[in-house]
Amino acid sequence: MMSEVFFIMANFISPEEIGVNPRAMLWLLPLAAAIAIVYKATKVKKITTRYFLKEVAVLFGSIVVCIVASAIVLYGLVWLNC
């Protein structure tokens, strides 16, 4: 019983190893979707399915576009400094 508790605690103490290759960056998509869903669920006054999904899709797209734009700008800055 105690070893199970230590195993669970160890999962929270040691970080998960996620690479920096393009395939690993796809983990940002579920994170962006979760952020969009939770944010819109707390901000929309009356939730109807169609309106809610539209708002979530717009926010999700905005988050992804901002992440991609930031990555391009940072890549450009690194390329200029090399």
C-alpha atoms as a PDB file:
ATOM      1  CA  MET A   1       0.000   0.000   0.000  1.00  0.00           C
ATOM      2  CA  MET A   2       2.728   2.445   0.947  1.00  0.00           C
ATOM      3  CA  SER A   3       4.769   1.622  -2.161  1.00  0.00           C
ATOM      4  CA  GLU A   4       1.764   2.530  -4.323  1.00  0.00           C
ATOM      5  CA  VAL A   5       1.537   5.899  -2.592  1.00  0.00           C
ATOM      6  CA  PHE A   6       5.239   6.525  -3.203  1.00  0.00           C
ATOM      7  CA  PHE A   7       4.855   5.522  -6.855  1.00  0.00           C
ATOM      8  CA  ILE A   8       1.989   7.977  -7.327  1.00  0.00           C
ATOM      9  CA  MET A   9       3.927  10.730  -5.568  1.00  0.00           C
ATOM     10  CA  ALA A  10       6.991  10.035  -7.718  1.00  0.00           C
ATOM     11  CA  ASN A  11       4.930  10.630 -10.852  1.00  0.00           C
ATOM     12  CA  PHE A  12       4.156  14.144  -9.652  1.00  0.00           C
ATOM     13  CA  ILE A  13       7.682  14.903  -8.469  1.00  0.00           C
ATOM     14  CA  SER A  14       9.598  13.815 -11.568  1.00  0.00           C
ATOM     15  CA  PRO A  15       8.536  15.596 -14.768  1.00  0.00           C
ATOM     16  CA  GLU A  16       7.314  13.719 -17.804  1.00  0.00           C
ATOM     17  CA  GLU A  17       9.908  13.625 -20.562  1.00  0.00           C
ATOM     18  CA  ILE A  18       8.469  15.189 -23.706  1.00  0.00           C
ATOM     19  CA  GLY A  19      10.790  15.741 -26.632  1.00  0.00           C
ATOM     20  CA  VAL A  20      11.031  18.833 -28.787  1.00  0.00           C
ATOM     21  CA  ASN A  21      10.465  17.179 -32.142  1.00  0.00           C
ATOM     22  CA  PRO A  22       7.441  18.151 -34.273  1.00  0.00           C
ATOM     23  CA  ARG A  23       5.504  15.017 -33.272  1.00  0.00           C
ATOM     24  CA  ALA A  24       5.889  15.821 -29.580  1.00  0.00           C
ATOM     25  CA  MET A  25       4.673  19.370 -30.159  1.00  0.00           C
ATOM     26  CA  LEU A  26       1.294  17.916 -31.156  1.00  0.00           C
ATOM     27  CA  TRP A  27       0.659  17.509 -27.410  1.00  0.00           C
ATOM     28  CA  LEU A  28      -0.063  21.249 -27.428  1.00  0.00           C
ATOM     29  CA  LEU A  29      -3.314  20.638 -29.324  1.00  0.00           C
ATOM     30  CA  PRO A  30      -5.182  18.773 -26.560  1.00  0.00           C
ATOM     31  CA  LEU A  31      -3.887  21.320 -24.056  1.00  0.00           C
ATOM     32  CA  ALA A  32      -5.173  24.208 -26.185  1.00  0.00           C
ATOM     33  CA  ALA A  33      -8.515  22.424 -26.629  1.00  0.00           C
ATOM     34  CA  ALA A  34      -8.871  21.895 -22.878  1.00  0.00           C
ATOM     35  CA  ILE A  35      -8.038  25.535 -22.174  1.00  0.00           C
ATOM     36  CA  ALA A  36     -10.582  26.714 -24.757  1.00  0.00           C
ATOM     37  CA  ILE A  37     -13.341  24.434 -23.455  1.00  0.00           C
ATOM     38  CA  VAL A  38     -12.855  25.330 -19.798  1.00  0.00           C
ATOM     39  CA  TYR A  39     -12.497  29.050 -20.488  1.00  0.00           C
ATOM     40  CA  LYS A  40     -15.617  29.232 -22.630  1.00  0.00           C
ATOM     41  CA  ALA A  41     -17.577  27.057 -20.195  1.00  0.00           C
ATOM     42  CA  THR A  42     -16.921  29.609 -17.482  1.00  0.00           C
ATOM     43  CA  LYS A  43     -17.436  32.739 -19.616  1.00  0.00           C
ATOM     44  CA  VAL A  44     -20.478  31.950 -21.799  1.00  0.00           C
ATOM     45  CA  LYS A  45     -23.668  33.052 -20.050  1.00  0.00           C
ATOM     46  CA  LYS A  46     -26.065  30.659 -21.788  1.00  0.00           C
ATOM     47  CA  ILE A  47     -24.580  27.491 -23.199  1.00  0.00           C
ATOM     48  CA  THR A  48     -26.178  26.143 -26.337  1.00  0.00           C
ATOM     49  CA  THR A  49     -24.359  23.418 -28.235  1.00  0.00           C
ATOM     50  CA  ARG A  50     -23.943  25.211 -31.532  1.00  0.00           C
ATOM     51  CA  TYR A  51     -22.878  28.561 -30.032  1.00  0.00           C
ATOM     52  CA  PHE A  52     -20.572  26.926 -27.489  1.00  0.00           C
ATOM     53  CA  LEU A  53     -18.798  24.774 -30.093  1.00  0.00           C
ATOM     54  CA  LYS A  54     -18.374  27.791 -32.373  1.00  0.00           C
ATOM     55  CA  GLU A  55     -16.867  29.875 -29.575  1.00  0.00           C
ATOM     56  CA  VAL A  56     -14.572  27.028 -28.513  1.00  0.00           C
ATOM     57  CA  ALA A  57     -13.407  26.502 -32.108  1.00  0.00           C
ATOM     58  CA  VAL A  58     -12.630  30.202 -32.535  1.00  0.00           C
ATOM     59  CA  LEU A  59     -10.675  30.356 -29.281  1.00  0.00           C
ATOM     60  CA  PHE A  60      -8.859  27.087 -30.069  1.00  0.00           C
ATOM     61  CA  GLY A  61      -7.863  28.430 -33.477  1.00  0.00           C
ATOM     62  CA  SER A  62      -6.682  31.689 -31.942  1.00  0.00           C
ATOM     63  CA  ILE A  63      -4.530  29.864 -29.409  1.00  0.00           C
ATOM     64  CA  VAL A  64      -2.975  27.617 -32.059  1.00  0.00           C
ATOM     65  CA  VAL A  65      -2.305  30.536 -34.434  1.00  0.00           C
ATOM     66  CA  CYS A  66      -0.633  32.515 -31.634  1.00  0.00           C
ATOM     67  CA  ILE A  67       1.528  29.532 -30.671  1.00  0.00           C
ATOM     68  CA  VAL A  68       2.601  28.979 -34.288  1.00  0.00           C
ATOM     69  CA  ALA A  69       3.300  32.691 -34.817  1.00  0.00           C
ATOM     70  CA  SER A  70       5.366  32.793 -31.618  1.00  0.00           C
ATOM     71  CA  ALA A  71       7.328  29.735 -32.726  1.00  0.00           C
ATOM     72  CA  ILE A  72       8.063  31.309 -36.113  1.00  0.00           C
ATOM     73  CA  VAL A  73       9.219  34.579 -34.544  1.00  0.00           C
ATOM     74  CA  LEU A  74      11.434  32.761 -32.034  1.00  0.00           C
ATOM     75  CA  TYR A  75      12.871  30.540 -34.771  1.00  0.00           C
ATOM     76  CA  GLY A  76      13.645  33.654 -36.809  1.00  0.00           C
ATOM     77  CA  LEU A  77      15.382  35.297 -33.866  1.00  0.00           C
ATOM     78  CA  VAL A  78      17.502  32.218 -33.251  1.00  0.00           C
ATOM     79  CA  TRP A  79      18.349  31.955 -36.953  1.00  0.00           C
ATOM     80  CA  LEU A  80      19.477  35.608 -37.053  1.00  0.00           C
ATOM     81  CA  ASN A  81      21.762  35.133 -34.047  1.00  0.00           C
ATOM     82  CA  CYS A  82      23.567  32.113 -35.519  1.00  0.00           C
END
